[in-house]
Amino acid sequence: MTTLTETRPQEIAARALTRAMEYADRAGRFAAHDTAHSLRDNGAAITAYSGLAAVYAEIAKAATALAAETGR
């Protein structure tokens, strides 16, 4: 029998913040190339990873606000 466990907002926030940092780091690695050619070729990856980082940062922000409201 499988049981469901409750995930606390703090745990969600911590996981989301970790993912946001991972994606921001990936975007940074793609953007670290200093040639216009590399930036042009990596533009889609930079945009995608930056977008994912922003989404996960918003999830972390919302979970943190929920934790503050509920005291959990």
PDB file of N, CA and C in Angstrom:
ATOM      1  N   MET A   1       0.835  -1.174   0.000  1.00  0.00           N
ATOM      2  CA  MET A   1       0.000   0.000   0.000  1.00  0.00           C
ATOM      3  C   MET A   1       0.880   1.239   0.000  1.00  0.00           C
ATOM      4  N   THR A   2       0.552   2.144  -0.852  1.00  0.00           N
ATOM      5  CA  THR A   2       1.300   3.386  -0.947  1.00  0.00           C
ATOM      6  C   THR A   2       0.609   4.458  -0.113  1.00  0.00           C
ATOM      7  N   THR A   3       1.390   5.184   0.648  1.00  0.00           N
ATOM      8  CA  THR A   3       0.831   6.278   1.430  1.00  0.00           C
ATOM      9  C   THR A   3       1.364   7.594   0.886  1.00  0.00           C
ATOM     10  N   LEU A   4       0.528   8.570   0.929  1.00  0.00           N
ATOM     11  CA  LEU A   4       0.924   9.907   0.500  1.00  0.00           C
ATOM     12  C   LEU A   4       1.449  10.673   1.694  1.00  0.00           C
ATOM     13  N   THR A   5       2.505  11.404   1.472  1.00  0.00           N
ATOM     14  CA  THR A   5       3.025  12.244   2.544  1.00  0.00           C
ATOM     15  C   THR A   5       2.793  13.694   2.172  1.00  0.00           C
ATOM     16  N   GLU A   6       2.573  14.486   3.153  1.00  0.00           N
ATOM     17  CA  GLU A   6       2.340  15.909   2.933  1.00  0.00           C
ATOM     18  C   GLU A   6       3.674  16.620   2.754  1.00  0.00           C
ATOM     19  N   THR A   7       3.747  17.420   1.722  1.00  0.00           N
ATOM     20  CA  THR A   7       4.950  18.211   1.493  1.00  0.00           C
ATOM     21  C   THR A   7       4.713  19.609   2.042  1.00  0.00           C
ATOM     22  N   ARG A   8       5.587  20.036   2.896  1.00  0.00           N
ATOM     23  CA  ARG A   8       5.451  21.355   3.514  1.00  0.00           C
ATOM     24  C   ARG A   8       5.872  22.449   2.536  1.00  0.00           C
ATOM     25  N   PRO A   9       5.275  23.622   2.675  1.00  0.00           N
ATOM     26  CA  PRO A   9       5.637  24.722   1.793  1.00  0.00           C
ATOM     27  C   PRO A   9       7.140  25.050   1.830  1.00  0.00           C
ATOM     28  N   GLN A  10       7.768  24.907   3.014  1.00  0.00           N
ATOM     29  CA  GLN A  10       9.205  25.191   3.099  1.00  0.00           C
ATOM     30  C   GLN A  10      10.002  24.225   2.233  1.00  0.00           C
ATOM     31  N   GLU A  11       9.575  22.961   2.188  1.00  0.00           N
ATOM     32  CA  GLU A  11      10.265  21.965   1.364  1.00  0.00           C
ATOM     33  C   GLU A  11      10.095  22.283  -0.111  1.00  0.00           C
ATOM     34  N   ILE A  12       8.895  22.689  -0.494  1.00  0.00           N
ATOM     35  CA  ILE A  12       8.639  23.063  -1.884  1.00  0.00           C
ATOM     36  C   ILE A  12       9.500  24.267  -2.249  1.00  0.00           C
ATOM     37  N   ALA A  13       9.551  25.252  -1.369  1.00  0.00           N
ATOM     38  CA  ALA A  13      10.342  26.458  -1.633  1.00  0.00           C
ATOM     39  C   ALA A  13      11.820  26.114  -1.790  1.00  0.00           C
ATOM     40  N   ALA A  14      12.333  25.268  -0.913  1.00  0.00           N
ATOM     41  CA  ALA A  14      13.751  24.898  -0.978  1.00  0.00           C
ATOM     42  C   ALA A  14      14.076  24.152  -2.269  1.00  0.00           C
ATOM     43  N   ARG A  15      13.212  23.223  -2.649  1.00  0.00           N
ATOM     44  CA  ARG A  15      13.441  22.465  -3.883  1.00  0.00           C
ATOM     45  C   ARG A  15      13.354  23.367  -5.104  1.00  0.00           C
ATOM     46  N   ALA A  16      12.353  24.246  -5.106  1.00  0.00           N
ATOM     47  CA  ALA A  16      12.182  25.149  -6.242  1.00  0.00           C
ATOM     48  C   ALA A  16      13.356  26.118  -6.355  1.00  0.00           C
ATOM     49  N   LEU A  17      13.829  26.617  -5.222  1.00  0.00           N
ATOM     50  CA  LEU A  17      14.967  27.532  -5.255  1.00  0.00           C
ATOM     51  C   LEU A  17      16.219  26.822  -5.756  1.00  0.00           C
ATOM     52  N   THR A  18      16.400  25.578  -5.365  1.00  0.00           N
ATOM     53  CA  THR A  18      17.530  24.792  -5.855  1.00  0.00           C
ATOM     54  C   THR A  18      17.456  24.639  -7.366  1.00  0.00           C
ATOM     55  N   ARG A  19      16.267  24.314  -7.874  1.00  0.00           N
ATOM     56  CA  ARG A  19      16.104  24.162  -9.321  1.00  0.00           C
ATOM     57  C   ARG A  19      16.333  25.491 -10.032  1.00  0.00           C
ATOM     58  N   ALA A  20      15.837  26.583  -9.462  1.00  0.00           N
ATOM     59  CA  ALA A  20      16.035  27.899 -10.071  1.00  0.00           C
ATOM     60  C   ALA A  20      17.518  28.208 -10.201  1.00  0.00           C
ATOM     61  N   MET A  21      18.269  27.898  -9.173  1.00  0.00           N
ATOM     62  CA  MET A  21      19.713  28.160  -9.210  1.00  0.00           C
ATOM     63  C   MET A  21      20.406  27.262 -10.229  1.00  0.00           C
ATOM     64  N   GLU A  22      19.971  26.010 -10.337  1.00  0.00           N
ATOM     65  CA  GLU A  22      20.559  25.107 -11.325  1.00  0.00           C
ATOM     66  C   GLU A  22      20.336  25.629 -12.739  1.00  0.00           C
ATOM     67  N   TYR A  23      19.104  26.051 -13.036  1.00  0.00           N
ATOM     68  CA  TYR A  23      18.810  26.554 -14.378  1.00  0.00           C
ATOM     69  C   TYR A  23      19.499  27.888 -14.655  1.00  0.00           C
ATOM     70  N   ALA A  24      19.588  28.739 -13.658  1.00  0.00           N
ATOM     71  CA  ALA A  24      20.303  30.008 -13.839  1.00  0.00           C
ATOM     72  C   ALA A  24      21.784  29.750 -14.107  1.00  0.00           C
ATOM     73  N   ASP A  25      22.344  28.761 -13.430  1.00  0.00           N
ATOM     74  CA  ASP A  25      23.743  28.397 -13.654  1.00  0.00           C
ATOM     75  C   ASP A  25      23.947  27.884 -15.076  1.00  0.00           C
ATOM     76  N   ARG A  26      23.023  27.064 -15.555  1.00  0.00           N
ATOM     77  CA  ARG A  26      23.120  26.564 -16.933  1.00  0.00           C
ATOM     78  C   ARG A  26      23.050  27.702 -17.934  1.00  0.00           C
ATOM     79  N   ALA A  27      22.121  28.631 -17.713  1.00  0.00           N
ATOM     80  CA  ALA A  27      22.015  29.786 -18.605  1.00  0.00           C
ATOM     81  C   ALA A  27      23.308  30.583 -18.583  1.00  0.00           C
ATOM     82  N   GLY A  28      23.871  30.742 -17.403  1.00  0.00           N
ATOM     83  CA  GLY A  28      25.129  31.481 -17.274  1.00  0.00           C
ATOM     84  C   GLY A  28      26.276  30.811 -18.012  1.00  0.00           C
ATOM     85  N   ARG A  29      26.306  29.488 -17.975  1.00  0.00           N
ATOM     86  CA  ARG A  29      27.372  28.777 -18.692  1.00  0.00           C
ATOM     87  C   ARG A  29      27.239  28.969 -20.197  1.00  0.00           C
ATOM     88  N   PHE A  30      26.007  28.954 -20.701  1.00  0.00           N
ATOM     89  CA  PHE A  30      25.818  29.188 -22.132  1.00  0.00           C
ATOM     90  C   PHE A  30      26.157  30.626 -22.497  1.00  0.00           C
ATOM     91  N   ALA A  31      25.864  31.563 -21.600  1.00  0.00           N
ATOM     92  CA  ALA A  31      26.122  32.980 -21.874  1.00  0.00           C
ATOM     93  C   ALA A  31      27.581  33.367 -21.651  1.00  0.00           C
ATOM     94  N   ALA A  32      28.359  32.502 -21.027  1.00  0.00           N
ATOM     95  CA  ALA A  32      29.744  32.835 -20.699  1.00  0.00           C
ATOM     96  C   ALA A  32      30.642  32.948 -21.924  1.00  0.00           C
ATOM     97  N   HIS A  33      30.204  32.388 -23.023  1.00  0.00           N
ATOM     98  CA  HIS A  33      31.001  32.499 -24.234  1.00  0.00           C
ATOM     99  C   HIS A  33      30.990  33.950 -24.697  1.00  0.00           C
ATOM    100  N   ASP A  34      32.147  34.481 -24.953  1.00  0.00           N
ATOM    101  CA  ASP A  34      32.238  35.915 -25.210  1.00  0.00           C
ATOM    102  C   ASP A  34      32.205  36.287 -26.683  1.00  0.00           C
ATOM    103  N   THR A  35      31.979  35.359 -27.561  1.00  0.00           N
ATOM    104  CA  THR A  35      31.914  35.712 -28.981  1.00  0.00           C
ATOM    105  C   THR A  35      30.462  35.873 -29.404  1.00  0.00           C
ATOM    106  N   ALA A  36      30.240  36.753 -30.351  1.00  0.00           N
ATOM    107  CA  ALA A  36      28.887  36.980 -30.853  1.00  0.00           C
ATOM    108  C   ALA A  36      28.341  35.709 -31.490  1.00  0.00           C
ATOM    109  N   HIS A  37      29.212  34.952 -32.134  1.00  0.00           N
ATOM    110  CA  HIS A  37      28.790  33.703 -32.769  1.00  0.00           C
ATOM    111  C   HIS A  37      28.263  32.724 -31.729  1.00  0.00           C
ATOM    112  N   SER A  38      28.965  32.556 -30.639  1.00  0.00           N
ATOM    113  CA  SER A  38      28.535  31.637 -29.579  1.00  0.00           C
ATOM    114  C   SER A  38      27.230  32.099 -28.952  1.00  0.00           C
ATOM    115  N   LEU A  39      27.093  33.387 -28.717  1.00  0.00           N
ATOM    116  CA  LEU A  39      25.863  33.897 -28.122  1.00  0.00           C
ATOM    117  C   LEU A  39      24.682  33.712 -29.064  1.00  0.00           C
ATOM    118  N   ARG A  40      24.914  33.917 -30.362  1.00  0.00           N
ATOM    119  CA  ARG A  40      23.839  33.726 -31.336  1.00  0.00           C
ATOM    120  C   ARG A  40      23.411  32.260 -31.366  1.00  0.00           C
ATOM    121  N   ASP A  41      24.376  31.370 -31.370  1.00  0.00           N
ATOM    122  CA  ASP A  41      24.067  29.942 -31.419  1.00  0.00           C
ATOM    123  C   ASP A  41      23.434  29.443 -30.128  1.00  0.00           C
ATOM    124  N   ASN A  42      23.759  30.039 -29.018  1.00  0.00           N
ATOM    125  CA  ASN A  42      23.260  29.589 -27.716  1.00  0.00           C
ATOM    126  C   ASN A  42      22.076  30.405 -27.204  1.00  0.00           C
ATOM    127  N   GLY A  43      21.620  31.339 -27.990  1.00  0.00           N
ATOM    128  CA  GLY A  43      20.543  32.227 -27.548  1.00  0.00           C
ATOM    129  C   GLY A  43      19.293  31.505 -27.100  1.00  0.00           C
ATOM    130  N   ALA A  44      18.895  30.471 -27.838  1.00  0.00           N
ATOM    131  CA  ALA A  44      17.682  29.727 -27.471  1.00  0.00           C
ATOM    132  C   ALA A  44      17.862  29.008 -26.138  1.00  0.00           C
ATOM    133  N   ALA A  45      19.040  28.427 -25.928  1.00  0.00           N
ATOM    134  CA  ALA A  45      19.298  27.730 -24.659  1.00  0.00           C
ATOM    135  C   ALA A  45      19.332  28.720 -23.501  1.00  0.00           C
ATOM    136  N   ILE A  46      19.949  29.868 -23.717  1.00  0.00           N
ATOM    137  CA  ILE A  46      20.013  30.898 -22.673  1.00  0.00           C
ATOM    138  C   ILE A  46      18.600  31.344 -22.298  1.00  0.00           C
ATOM    139  N   THR A  47      17.778  31.583 -23.314  1.00  0.00           N
ATOM    140  CA  THR A  47      16.402  32.017 -23.077  1.00  0.00           C
ATOM    141  C   THR A  47      15.605  30.943 -22.338  1.00  0.00           C
ATOM    142  N   ALA A  48      15.743  29.701 -22.782  1.00  0.00           N
ATOM    143  CA  ALA A  48      14.994  28.608 -22.156  1.00  0.00           C
ATOM    144  C   ALA A  48      15.395  28.414 -20.696  1.00  0.00           C
ATOM    145  N   TYR A  49      16.687  28.339 -20.436  1.00  0.00           N
ATOM    146  CA  TYR A  49      17.138  28.122 -19.062  1.00  0.00           C
ATOM    147  C   TYR A  49      16.839  29.325 -18.168  1.00  0.00           C
ATOM    148  N   SER A  50      16.938  30.521 -18.704  1.00  0.00           N
ATOM    149  CA  SER A  50      16.587  31.707 -17.920  1.00  0.00           C
ATOM    150  C   SER A  50      15.110  31.708 -17.581  1.00  0.00           C
ATOM    151  N   GLY A  51      14.289  31.298 -18.534  1.00  0.00           N
ATOM    152  CA  GLY A  51      12.850  31.221 -18.299  1.00  0.00           C
ATOM    153  C   GLY A  51      12.504  30.189 -17.236  1.00  0.00           C
ATOM    154  N   LEU A  52      13.136  29.026 -17.316  1.00  0.00           N
ATOM    155  CA  LEU A  52      12.901  27.994 -16.303  1.00  0.00           C
ATOM    156  C   LEU A  52      13.350  28.467 -14.923  1.00  0.00           C
ATOM    157  N   ALA A  53      14.476  29.159 -14.876  1.00  0.00           N
ATOM    158  CA  ALA A  53      14.948  29.692 -13.590  1.00  0.00           C
ATOM    159  C   ALA A  53      13.924  30.668 -13.014  1.00  0.00           C
ATOM    160  N   ALA A  54      13.360  31.501 -13.865  1.00  0.00           N
ATOM    161  CA  ALA A  54      12.364  32.472 -13.401  1.00  0.00           C
ATOM    162  C   ALA A  54      11.106  31.780 -12.889  1.00  0.00           C
ATOM    163  N   VAL A  55      10.659  30.739 -13.586  1.00  0.00           N
ATOM    164  CA  VAL A  55       9.465  30.006 -13.156  1.00  0.00           C
ATOM    165  C   VAL A  55       9.696  29.366 -11.787  1.00  0.00           C
ATOM    166  N   TYR A  56      10.829  28.697 -11.641  1.00  0.00           N
ATOM    167  CA  TYR A  56      11.112  28.051 -10.354  1.00  0.00           C
ATOM    168  C   TYR A  56      11.315  29.075  -9.241  1.00  0.00           C
ATOM    169  N   ALA A  57      11.860  30.231  -9.560  1.00  0.00           N
ATOM    170  CA  ALA A  57      12.012  31.279  -8.549  1.00  0.00           C
ATOM    171  C   ALA A  57      10.638  31.777  -8.087  1.00  0.00           C
ATOM    172  N   GLU A  58       9.695  31.883  -9.018  1.00  0.00           N
ATOM    173  CA  GLU A  58       8.336  32.306  -8.654  1.00  0.00           C
ATOM    174  C   GLU A  58       7.643  31.247  -7.794  1.00  0.00           C
ATOM    175  N   ILE A  59       7.879  29.975  -8.108  1.00  0.00           N
ATOM    176  CA  ILE A  59       7.315  28.903  -7.284  1.00  0.00           C
ATOM    177  C   ILE A  59       7.878  28.985  -5.871  1.00  0.00           C
ATOM    178  N   ALA A  60       9.181  29.197  -5.766  1.00  0.00           N
ATOM    179  CA  ALA A  60       9.818  29.323  -4.444  1.00  0.00           C
ATOM    180  C   ALA A  60       9.243  30.516  -3.688  1.00  0.00           C
ATOM    181  N   LYS A  61       9.041  31.612  -4.388  1.00  0.00           N
ATOM    182  CA  LYS A  61       8.488  32.817  -3.768  1.00  0.00           C
ATOM    183  C   LYS A  61       7.073  32.565  -3.248  1.00  0.00           C
ATOM    184  N   ALA A  62       6.248  31.906  -4.058  1.00  0.00           N
ATOM    185  CA  ALA A  62       4.873  31.617  -3.647  1.00  0.00           C
ATOM    186  C   ALA A  62       4.834  30.638  -2.470  1.00  0.00           C
ATOM    187  N   ALA A  63       5.679  29.629  -2.516  1.00  0.00           N
ATOM    188  CA  ALA A  63       5.713  28.655  -1.421  1.00  0.00           C
ATOM    189  C   ALA A  63       6.193  29.301  -0.122  1.00  0.00           C
ATOM    190  N   THR A  64       7.143  30.219  -0.241  1.00  0.00           N
ATOM    191  CA  THR A  64       7.625  30.934   0.945  1.00  0.00           C
ATOM    192  C   THR A  64       6.518  31.797   1.537  1.00  0.00           C
ATOM    193  N   ALA A  65       5.752  32.465   0.677  1.00  0.00           N
ATOM    194  CA  ALA A  65       4.639  33.283   1.158  1.00  0.00           C
ATOM    195  C   ALA A  65       3.578  32.415   1.823  1.00  0.00           C
ATOM    196  N   LEU A  66       3.306  31.255   1.239  1.00  0.00           N
ATOM    197  CA  LEU A  66       2.336  30.331   1.829  1.00  0.00           C
ATOM    198  C   LEU A  66       2.809  29.835   3.181  1.00  0.00           C
ATOM    199  N   ALA A  67       4.096  29.522   3.275  1.00  0.00           N
ATOM    200  CA  ALA A  67       4.643  29.062   4.558  1.00  0.00           C
ATOM    201  C   ALA A  67       4.511  30.153   5.619  1.00  0.00           C
ATOM    202  N   ALA A  68       4.737  31.395   5.219  1.00  0.00           N
ATOM    203  CA  ALA A  68       4.629  32.493   6.176  1.00  0.00           C
ATOM    204  C   ALA A  68       3.185  32.677   6.652  1.00  0.00           C
ATOM    205  N   GLU A  69       2.243  32.504   5.722  1.00  0.00           N
ATOM    206  CA  GLU A  69       0.823  32.674   6.079  1.00  0.00           C
ATOM    207  C   GLU A  69       0.321  31.548   6.985  1.00  0.00           C
ATOM    208  N   THR A  70       0.743  30.341   6.692  1.00  0.00           N
ATOM    209  CA  THR A  70       0.222  29.189   7.430  1.00  0.00           C
ATOM    210  C   THR A  70       1.068  28.833   8.637  1.00  0.00           C
ATOM    211  N   GLY A  71       2.235  29.430   8.729  1.00  0.00           N
ATOM    212  CA  GLY A  71       3.132  29.108   9.844  1.00  0.00           C
ATOM    213  C   GLY A  71       3.702  27.723   9.762  1.00  0.00           C
ATOM    214  N   ARG A  72       3.818  27.197   8.533  1.00  0.00           N
ATOM    215  CA  ARG A  72       4.342  25.847   8.357  1.00  0.00           C
ATOM    216  C   ARG A  72       5.637  25.938   7.651  1.00  0.00           C
TER     217      ARG A  72
END
